Structures are given as C-alpha cells and as structure tokens.
C-alpha cells in the first residue's frame, strides 16, 4: 500500500513558499530604504557643496523652495502674475531654482538695462530648450539658439536679407491683399448675420501673410480668410512650445521624462510634418530652377544663398539651416493658445 503523507509533509511546501515570499519582500523593502537613504545623502551633500561654492558670492534673494523641484510649485497658470507677486515680496531682482535650472528674474527697467545692454555679452546666451533645439535642427537659427559664432553669422544673414527695409516693402502688396480678404470675409459674415471670432480671424490673417512671405502661396482656399492647411501643425507646435516640459528643468533625466510624459512622441510627429513640408517646398524650387530671389519670398532667397555657397564651397549655409530659417519664419505668428494666459489683465 502507498504511504500516506503526514500533515507535516503536506504543510512543508506552503511553509517554503511563505518563507520565500517573506524573504523577497524583506529584501525589496531593504533595497528601497537603502536607495532612499542614498538619494537623500546625495542631495544633502550636493546642497552642502552648492552652499559652500555660493557662500562667498553676493547672490539675489531666493524664496524657499522644496527639495528637487525647487520653486516650481510657486509658478501658477499665469507665470507673469506669479513672478510679479514674488518680486513684490523679494525685490526687483530675485533668484529662482526651477528644478535644476537657476533662473534670474528681473522686474526693474534699470536692472533690465544692465542685464540686456551693459552686460549683454555675459548674459546674452539662450536656455537649452529641448523642443526648440529639435525644431531648429540643432540650434541653426537665431531666435533662441545659444550665442556662438554661428549665431552671429545667422543673425547677420537674417538682418541683411530679410529684415532690411527693401524686402519688407517688397511684400507689402501681399499683406494688403490679405487684409482686404479678411475685411471681405468679415463683411460677408456680417451681411448674413453670422458671428465672427476675431481672435481666429486675426490668427488666420497672420498665418496667410506669413505663408505668402515665406513660400509665396497661401495654403488656404482662395478668396477666404481661413486657417491654412498647416494650421493644425501650427497649433500642435504652439502647444508643445508653450506647454510645461519637465525635461527642460531636469536635464539629467530629460530623455526618460520627455518619453514618459509623451512630449517626445508629439515633438517627433510635429517635427516630421514640418520637415516634410520644407523638403517638399525645397524640392519644388530645385526642380523648377527658381533658386533666385526674384519673387522676394524667404524660401527663394534662402535657396539662392544656399546655391551660391555650394558653388563657392563655403559650406556656411546648409540644407538643415535653410529649413531652420523657414521654420522660424513660418511659426513667427501669434497663437491664441500660447498668448491667452498672457493677455488676461
């Protein structure tokens, strides 16, 4: 007859399973506690090091902040109002710790003059913003790129070929035509008793003017003042640039923070749409052989300059740099989703 297992033999697998689970839980808890203690120890040592380095410096006042996030919790939905309240409490010159980024807030015209004019060379660089760096093809334009010899060359190109009086006057006919189109659209809506959203109408006006100045076309139905076909990507770009990007305030964790929050995916989709648009326009001009500045559009001027530099083998202006300039000029228009919080009084 087969042996009948005893009660102790039946309970032994359960006991082994229980002891294994308890051991695993114990080591997991011990690991978490150790990691937390090490993190606190590291933050404490880092703070002591920073305090030691800055103790001999005359720094502006700094509102008390929280560990890791610093003063981010004190910036509300209306940043200009939050900064105004802080300046009333701590003076016209204060220092904020936004995550790992030290920020200087200036609320006095006299101090702003010292910062932006007297000490311009020391303080003229731009912050390292991941979204802007991606859109500008590695900081190849002038709006928010860091100060460098490349930035100086790009700024000179911009002032000479695009912002001088002659090219600005050359596009006056397109601007006047778009204004007349908007007035006709508003008049037709008023005659039929329909309401008009002036914010969107003005946004459409600026979008059409910019598209005609950059590409020489409207990207919108003829005879109508409506958002162009690139309006969707413009709105998405405005949301990304005007939204909170955690990676910009914690550079050491930028990659995974932007991935977890979904910023990286939206940024890449938006960037691809812009890149496809610019590549299509560039190829159209290359096929048509219109690499001259006869029509006065920014795309034509840039293509002429690119062709000249390729012929001279200078290599100062690249294809990506052309796209970066086109992106800045195309998106240089107000968007209600960005400016809405800043025009509330």
Protein backbone atom coordinates (compact mmCIF):
# COMPACT_ATOMS: atom_id res chain seq x y z
CA UNK A 1 0.00 0.00 0.00
CA UNK A 2 1.28 3.52 -0.77
CA UNK A 3 2.43 5.55 2.18
CA UNK A 4 0.01 8.21 3.35
CA UNK A 5 1.75 11.64 3.63
CA UNK A 6 1.71 13.15 7.08
CA UNK A 7 0.30 16.59 7.93
CA UNK A 8 3.81 17.99 8.40
CA UNK A 9 4.81 16.78 4.93
CA UNK A 10 1.70 18.45 3.42
CA UNK A 11 2.45 21.79 5.10
CA UNK A 12 6.13 21.94 4.18
CA UNK A 13 5.63 23.31 0.57
CA UNK A 14 3.39 26.05 1.95
CA UNK A 15 5.96 26.94 4.58
CA UNK A 16 8.70 27.08 1.97
CA UNK A 17 6.56 29.29 -0.28
CA UNK A 18 5.72 31.61 2.63
CA UNK A 19 9.36 31.90 3.70
CA UNK A 20 10.44 32.63 0.11
CA UNK A 21 7.79 35.36 -0.25
CA UNK A 22 8.74 36.89 3.12
CA UNK A 23 12.41 36.87 2.20
CA UNK A 24 11.70 38.51 -1.16
CA UNK A 25 9.55 41.20 0.49
CA UNK A 26 12.22 41.86 3.12
CA UNK A 27 14.99 42.32 0.57
CA UNK A 28 12.80 44.52 -1.64
CA UNK A 29 11.94 46.76 1.31
CA UNK A 30 15.58 46.88 2.36
CA UNK A 31 16.59 47.84 -1.18
CA UNK A 32 14.03 50.65 -1.36
CA UNK A 33 15.08 52.01 2.04
CA UNK A 34 18.74 51.88 1.06
CA UNK A 35 18.06 53.65 -2.24
CA UNK A 36 16.05 56.37 -0.46
CA UNK A 37 18.78 56.92 2.12
CA UNK A 38 21.44 57.10 -0.58
CA UNK A 39 19.36 59.59 -2.57
CA UNK A 40 18.82 61.80 0.49
CA UNK A 41 22.52 61.57 1.33
CA UNK A 42 23.45 62.56 -2.23
CA UNK A 43 21.04 65.53 -2.24
CA UNK A 44 22.34 66.67 1.15
CA UNK A 45 25.98 66.50 0.03
CA UNK A 46 25.14 68.29 -3.22
CA UNK A 47 23.31 71.06 -1.37
CA UNK A 48 26.25 71.47 1.02
CA UNK A 49 28.62 71.69 -1.93
CA UNK A 50 26.47 74.29 -3.68
CA UNK A 51 26.10 76.31 -0.48
CA UNK A 52 29.86 76.19 0.04
CA UNK A 53 30.54 77.38 -3.51
CA UNK A 54 27.97 80.20 -3.36
CA UNK A 55 28.59 81.32 0.21
CA UNK A 56 31.25 83.81 -0.96
CA UNK A 57 29.05 85.18 -3.79
CA UNK A 58 26.61 88.04 -3.50
CA UNK A 59 23.52 86.35 -4.91
CA UNK A 60 20.00 87.79 -5.22
CA UNK A 61 17.41 86.69 -2.65
CA UNK A 62 15.92 83.26 -3.19
CA UNK A 63 12.42 82.26 -2.00
CA UNK A 64 12.45 79.00 -0.02
CA UNK A 65 11.85 76.01 -2.26
CA UNK A 66 11.13 72.32 -1.97
CA UNK A 67 13.66 69.53 -2.48
CA UNK A 68 14.26 68.51 -6.10
CA UNK A 69 11.56 70.76 -7.66
CA UNK A 70 12.81 73.99 -6.05
CA UNK A 71 10.44 76.92 -6.70
CA UNK A 72 8.43 75.28 -9.49
CA UNK A 73 5.43 74.94 -7.18
CA UNK A 74 5.27 78.73 -6.84
CA UNK A 75 4.70 79.29 -10.59
CA UNK A 76 0.99 79.13 -11.40
CA UNK A 77 -1.05 79.04 -14.59
CA UNK A 78 -0.26 82.75 -15.14
CA UNK A 79 3.54 82.88 -14.76
CA UNK A 80 3.78 86.67 -15.16
CA UNK A 81 1.46 87.19 -12.20
CA UNK A 82 3.33 84.65 -10.08
CA UNK A 83 6.64 86.35 -10.84
CA UNK A 84 5.09 89.75 -10.08
CA UNK A 85 3.93 88.58 -6.65
CA UNK A 86 7.36 87.13 -5.89
CA UNK A 87 9.06 90.36 -6.95
CA UNK A 88 6.82 92.33 -4.59
CA UNK A 89 7.94 90.11 -1.73
CA UNK A 90 11.65 89.70 -2.57
CA UNK A 91 12.55 92.74 -4.66
CA UNK A 92 13.09 93.55 -8.33
CA UNK A 93 15.97 91.07 -8.63
CA UNK A 94 15.44 87.54 -7.35
CA UNK A 95 16.76 84.07 -7.98
CA UNK A 96 14.52 81.05 -8.54
CA UNK A 97 15.50 77.40 -8.59
CA UNK A 98 13.27 75.79 -11.23
CA UNK A 99 14.16 72.14 -10.86
CA UNK A 100 17.89 72.03 -11.57
CA UNK A 101 17.82 75.33 -13.51
CA UNK A 102 18.82 78.53 -11.73
CA UNK A 103 16.75 81.43 -13.07
CA UNK A 104 17.22 85.16 -12.60
CA UNK A 105 14.03 87.24 -12.53
CA UNK A 106 14.38 90.96 -13.29
CA UNK A 107 11.42 93.26 -12.64
CA UNK A 108 13.09 96.68 -12.81
CA UNK A 109 13.74 98.66 -16.03
CA UNK A 110 17.06 99.95 -14.70
CA UNK A 111 18.32 96.47 -13.79
CA UNK A 112 16.97 95.07 -17.06
CA UNK A 113 19.07 97.68 -18.90
CA UNK A 114 22.18 96.50 -17.03
CA UNK A 115 21.38 92.89 -17.88
CA UNK A 116 20.39 93.31 -21.53
CA UNK A 117 22.74 96.15 -22.53
CA UNK A 118 25.63 96.75 -20.15
CA UNK A 119 26.35 93.06 -19.54
CA UNK A 120 24.94 91.78 -22.80
CA UNK A 121 27.98 89.67 -23.79
CA UNK A 122 27.96 87.86 -20.43
CA UNK A 123 24.22 87.21 -20.32
CA UNK A 124 23.14 87.08 -23.97
CA UNK A 125 23.00 83.30 -24.39
CA UNK A 126 19.73 81.36 -24.57
CA UNK A 127 18.50 78.47 -22.42
CA UNK A 128 18.92 74.93 -23.64
CA UNK A 129 15.33 74.02 -24.54
CA UNK A 130 14.99 70.53 -25.99
CA UNK A 131 11.86 71.28 -28.05
CA UNK A 132 13.31 74.42 -29.63
CA UNK A 133 16.62 72.70 -30.32
CA UNK A 134 14.79 69.94 -32.20
CA UNK A 135 12.64 72.31 -34.25
CA UNK A 136 15.67 74.45 -35.15
CA UNK A 137 17.66 71.47 -36.43
CA UNK A 138 20.23 71.66 -33.67
CA UNK A 139 20.05 75.41 -32.95
CA UNK A 140 20.75 76.60 -36.50
CA UNK A 141 18.54 79.71 -36.31
CA UNK A 142 18.71 82.88 -34.20
CA UNK A 143 15.56 83.13 -32.08
CA UNK A 144 16.53 81.01 -29.05
CA UNK A 145 19.84 79.43 -30.08
CA UNK A 146 22.86 79.82 -27.77
CA UNK A 147 25.27 82.64 -28.51
CA UNK A 148 28.12 81.49 -30.74
CA UNK A 149 29.97 82.50 -33.94
CA UNK A 150 27.35 80.53 -35.88
CA UNK A 151 24.59 82.56 -34.21
CA UNK A 152 26.34 85.83 -35.14
CA UNK A 153 26.60 84.71 -38.79
CA UNK A 154 22.94 83.64 -38.89
CA UNK A 155 21.83 86.92 -37.34
CA UNK A 156 23.79 88.89 -39.94
CA UNK A 157 22.14 86.87 -42.72
CA UNK A 158 18.70 87.49 -41.24
CA UNK A 159 19.19 91.25 -40.90
CA UNK A 160 20.71 91.67 -44.35
CA UNK A 161 18.32 89.62 -46.48
CA UNK A 162 15.01 89.58 -44.58
CA UNK A 163 14.64 92.45 -42.08
CA UNK A 164 16.07 95.34 -44.08
CA UNK A 165 13.58 97.91 -45.48
CA UNK A 166 13.72 96.68 -49.09
CA UNK A 167 12.50 93.06 -48.58
CA UNK A 168 9.90 94.23 -46.06
CA UNK A 169 8.47 96.75 -48.55
CA UNK A 170 8.58 94.15 -51.31
CA UNK A 171 5.95 92.04 -49.52
CA UNK A 172 3.58 94.95 -48.78
CA UNK A 173 1.26 94.02 -51.69
CA UNK A 174 0.69 90.54 -50.27
CA UNK A 175 -0.07 91.98 -46.83
CA UNK A 176 -2.56 94.47 -48.22
CA UNK A 177 -4.29 91.78 -50.25
CA UNK A 178 -4.68 89.52 -47.22
CA UNK A 179 -6.12 92.38 -45.16
CA UNK A 180 -8.68 93.08 -47.91
CA UNK A 181 -9.58 89.37 -47.97
CA UNK A 182 -10.16 89.42 -44.23
CA UNK A 183 -12.33 92.55 -44.45
CA UNK A 184 -14.42 90.97 -47.23
CA UNK A 185 -14.87 87.81 -45.14
CA UNK A 186 -15.98 89.82 -42.09
CA UNK A 187 -18.33 91.94 -44.21
CA UNK A 188 -19.91 88.85 -45.78
CA UNK A 189 -20.41 87.28 -42.33
CA UNK A 190 -22.00 90.49 -41.02
CA UNK A 191 -24.34 90.71 -44.00
CA UNK A 192 -25.56 87.16 -43.42
CA UNK A 193 -25.93 87.66 -39.67
CA UNK A 194 -23.17 85.25 -38.67
CA UNK A 195 -20.83 85.86 -35.77
CA UNK A 196 -17.10 86.26 -36.33
CA UNK A 197 -14.37 85.03 -33.99
CA UNK A 198 -11.88 87.87 -34.34
CA UNK A 199 -9.12 86.01 -32.50
CA UNK A 200 -9.18 83.16 -35.01
CA UNK A 201 -9.70 85.55 -37.92
CA UNK A 202 -6.62 87.58 -36.98
CA UNK A 203 -4.66 84.37 -36.45
CA UNK A 204 -5.70 83.25 -39.94
CA UNK A 205 -4.68 86.64 -41.35
CA UNK A 206 -1.19 86.45 -39.86
CA UNK A 207 -0.84 82.79 -40.90
CA UNK A 208 -1.71 83.59 -44.54
CA UNK A 209 0.62 86.61 -44.60
CA UNK A 210 3.50 84.56 -43.20
CA UNK A 211 2.90 81.69 -45.63
CA UNK A 212 2.89 84.08 -48.59
CA UNK A 213 6.04 85.78 -47.36
CA UNK A 214 7.85 82.50 -46.79
CA UNK A 215 6.59 80.28 -49.63
CA UNK A 216 4.76 82.65 -51.97
CA UNK A 217 1.45 80.81 -51.51
CA UNK A 218 -1.50 80.95 -49.10
CA UNK A 219 -2.10 77.28 -48.16
CA UNK A 220 -5.76 78.31 -47.75
CA UNK A 221 -8.85 78.47 -50.01
CA UNK A 222 -8.68 81.33 -52.49
CA UNK A 223 -10.67 84.41 -51.57
CA UNK A 224 -11.29 83.28 -47.99
CA UNK A 225 -9.68 84.36 -44.72
CA UNK A 226 -9.44 80.97 -43.06
CA UNK A 227 -6.78 78.89 -41.37
CA UNK A 228 -4.33 77.41 -43.85
CA UNK A 229 -3.74 73.70 -44.22
CA UNK A 230 -0.75 73.98 -41.88
CA UNK A 231 -2.96 75.41 -39.13
CA UNK A 232 -3.14 72.06 -37.35
CA UNK A 233 0.59 71.60 -37.12
CA UNK A 234 0.93 75.25 -36.09
CA UNK A 235 -1.44 74.69 -33.17
CA UNK A 236 0.36 71.49 -32.12
CA UNK A 237 3.70 73.29 -32.28
CA UNK A 238 2.34 76.14 -30.15
CA UNK A 239 1.06 73.67 -27.56
CA UNK A 240 4.44 71.94 -27.36
CA UNK A 241 6.46 75.16 -27.13
CA UNK A 242 4.04 76.83 -24.72
CA UNK A 243 3.47 73.79 -22.50
CA UNK A 244 5.39 72.53 -19.49
CA UNK A 245 8.29 70.28 -20.49
CA UNK A 246 9.68 68.60 -17.38
CA UNK A 247 12.89 67.57 -19.11
CA UNK A 248 13.95 71.21 -19.53
CA UNK A 249 14.06 71.64 -15.76
CA UNK A 250 15.75 68.32 -15.00
CA UNK A 251 18.42 67.90 -17.71
CA UNK A 252 19.85 64.79 -16.06
CA UNK A 253 16.53 62.98 -16.64
CA UNK A 254 15.44 64.77 -19.81
CA UNK A 255 15.32 61.72 -22.06
CA UNK A 256 13.06 59.50 -19.98
CA UNK A 257 10.94 62.36 -18.56
CA UNK A 258 10.03 63.55 -22.07
CA UNK A 259 9.34 59.96 -23.09
CA UNK A 260 7.10 59.23 -20.09
CA UNK A 261 5.12 62.47 -20.38
CA UNK A 262 4.59 61.97 -24.12
CA UNK A 263 6.42 65.14 -25.13
CA UNK A 264 9.00 63.25 -27.18
CA UNK A 265 6.38 61.47 -29.31
CA UNK A 266 4.36 64.60 -30.03
CA UNK A 267 7.53 66.56 -30.76
CA UNK A 268 8.78 63.99 -33.27
CA UNK A 269 5.40 63.83 -35.06
CA UNK A 270 5.22 67.62 -35.29
CA UNK A 271 8.84 67.90 -36.42
CA UNK A 272 8.31 65.32 -39.17
CA UNK A 273 5.32 67.25 -40.53
CA UNK A 274 7.38 70.43 -40.69
CA UNK A 275 10.37 68.66 -42.22
CA UNK A 276 8.19 67.05 -44.90
CA UNK A 277 6.67 70.45 -45.75
CA UNK A 278 10.05 72.17 -46.04
CA UNK A 279 11.58 69.32 -48.03
CA UNK A 280 8.64 69.43 -50.46
CA UNK A 281 8.98 73.19 -50.97
CA UNK A 282 12.74 72.99 -51.41
CA UNK A 283 12.46 70.20 -53.98
CA UNK A 284 9.79 72.11 -55.91
CA UNK A 285 12.17 75.05 -56.26
CA UNK A 286 15.06 72.80 -57.18
CA UNK A 287 13.01 71.11 -59.92
CA UNK A 288 11.67 74.42 -61.23
CA UNK A 289 15.08 76.06 -61.09
CA UNK A 290 13.71 79.06 -59.20
CA UNK A 291 16.65 79.45 -56.91
CA UNK A 292 16.65 83.21 -57.30
CA UNK A 293 15.19 85.96 -55.16
CA UNK A 294 13.04 87.50 -57.91
CA UNK A 295 9.74 86.80 -56.15
CA UNK A 296 11.14 88.07 -52.84
CA UNK A 297 9.93 85.12 -50.73
CA UNK A 298 12.12 83.85 -47.93
CA UNK A 299 12.30 80.35 -49.41
CA UNK A 300 13.60 81.67 -52.74
CA UNK A 301 16.17 83.92 -51.10
CA UNK A 302 17.44 81.08 -48.92
CA UNK A 303 17.65 78.72 -51.90
CA UNK A 304 19.67 81.32 -53.83
CA UNK A 305 22.05 81.77 -50.90
CA UNK A 306 22.36 78.01 -50.49
CA UNK A 307 23.16 77.58 -54.18
CA UNK A 308 25.75 80.37 -54.07
CA UNK A 309 27.51 78.93 -51.04
CA UNK A 310 27.53 75.45 -52.53
CA UNK A 311 29.12 76.90 -55.69
CA UNK A 312 31.74 78.75 -53.63
CA UNK A 313 32.22 75.68 -51.40
CA UNK A 314 31.97 77.82 -48.28
CA UNK A 315 29.55 75.49 -46.50
CA UNK A 316 28.23 78.17 -44.12
CA UNK A 317 24.58 77.65 -45.06
CA UNK A 318 23.35 74.05 -45.14
CA UNK A 319 20.07 72.46 -46.15
CA UNK A 320 19.12 71.97 -42.50
CA UNK A 321 19.93 75.62 -41.78
CA UNK A 322 17.56 76.63 -44.60
CA UNK A 323 14.82 74.51 -43.00
CA UNK A 324 15.55 76.05 -39.60
CA UNK A 325 15.13 79.57 -41.02
CA UNK A 326 11.93 78.54 -42.81
CA UNK A 327 10.53 77.07 -39.59
CA UNK A 328 11.23 80.22 -37.59
CA UNK A 329 9.69 82.46 -40.24
CA UNK A 330 6.64 80.20 -40.67
CA UNK A 331 5.89 79.91 -36.96
CA UNK A 332 6.59 83.57 -36.25
CA UNK A 333 2.94 84.39 -35.72
CA UNK A 334 0.83 84.67 -32.58
CA UNK A 335 -1.26 81.73 -31.45
CA UNK A 336 -4.19 82.20 -29.09
CA UNK A 337 -3.34 79.05 -27.16
CA UNK A 338 0.04 80.47 -26.16
CA UNK A 339 -0.93 84.10 -25.61
CA UNK A 340 -4.30 83.50 -23.96
CA UNK A 341 -2.85 83.34 -20.44
CA UNK A 342 -0.68 86.42 -21.00
CA UNK A 343 -3.35 88.83 -22.21
CA UNK A 344 -5.63 88.38 -19.21
CA UNK A 345 -5.49 91.54 -17.09
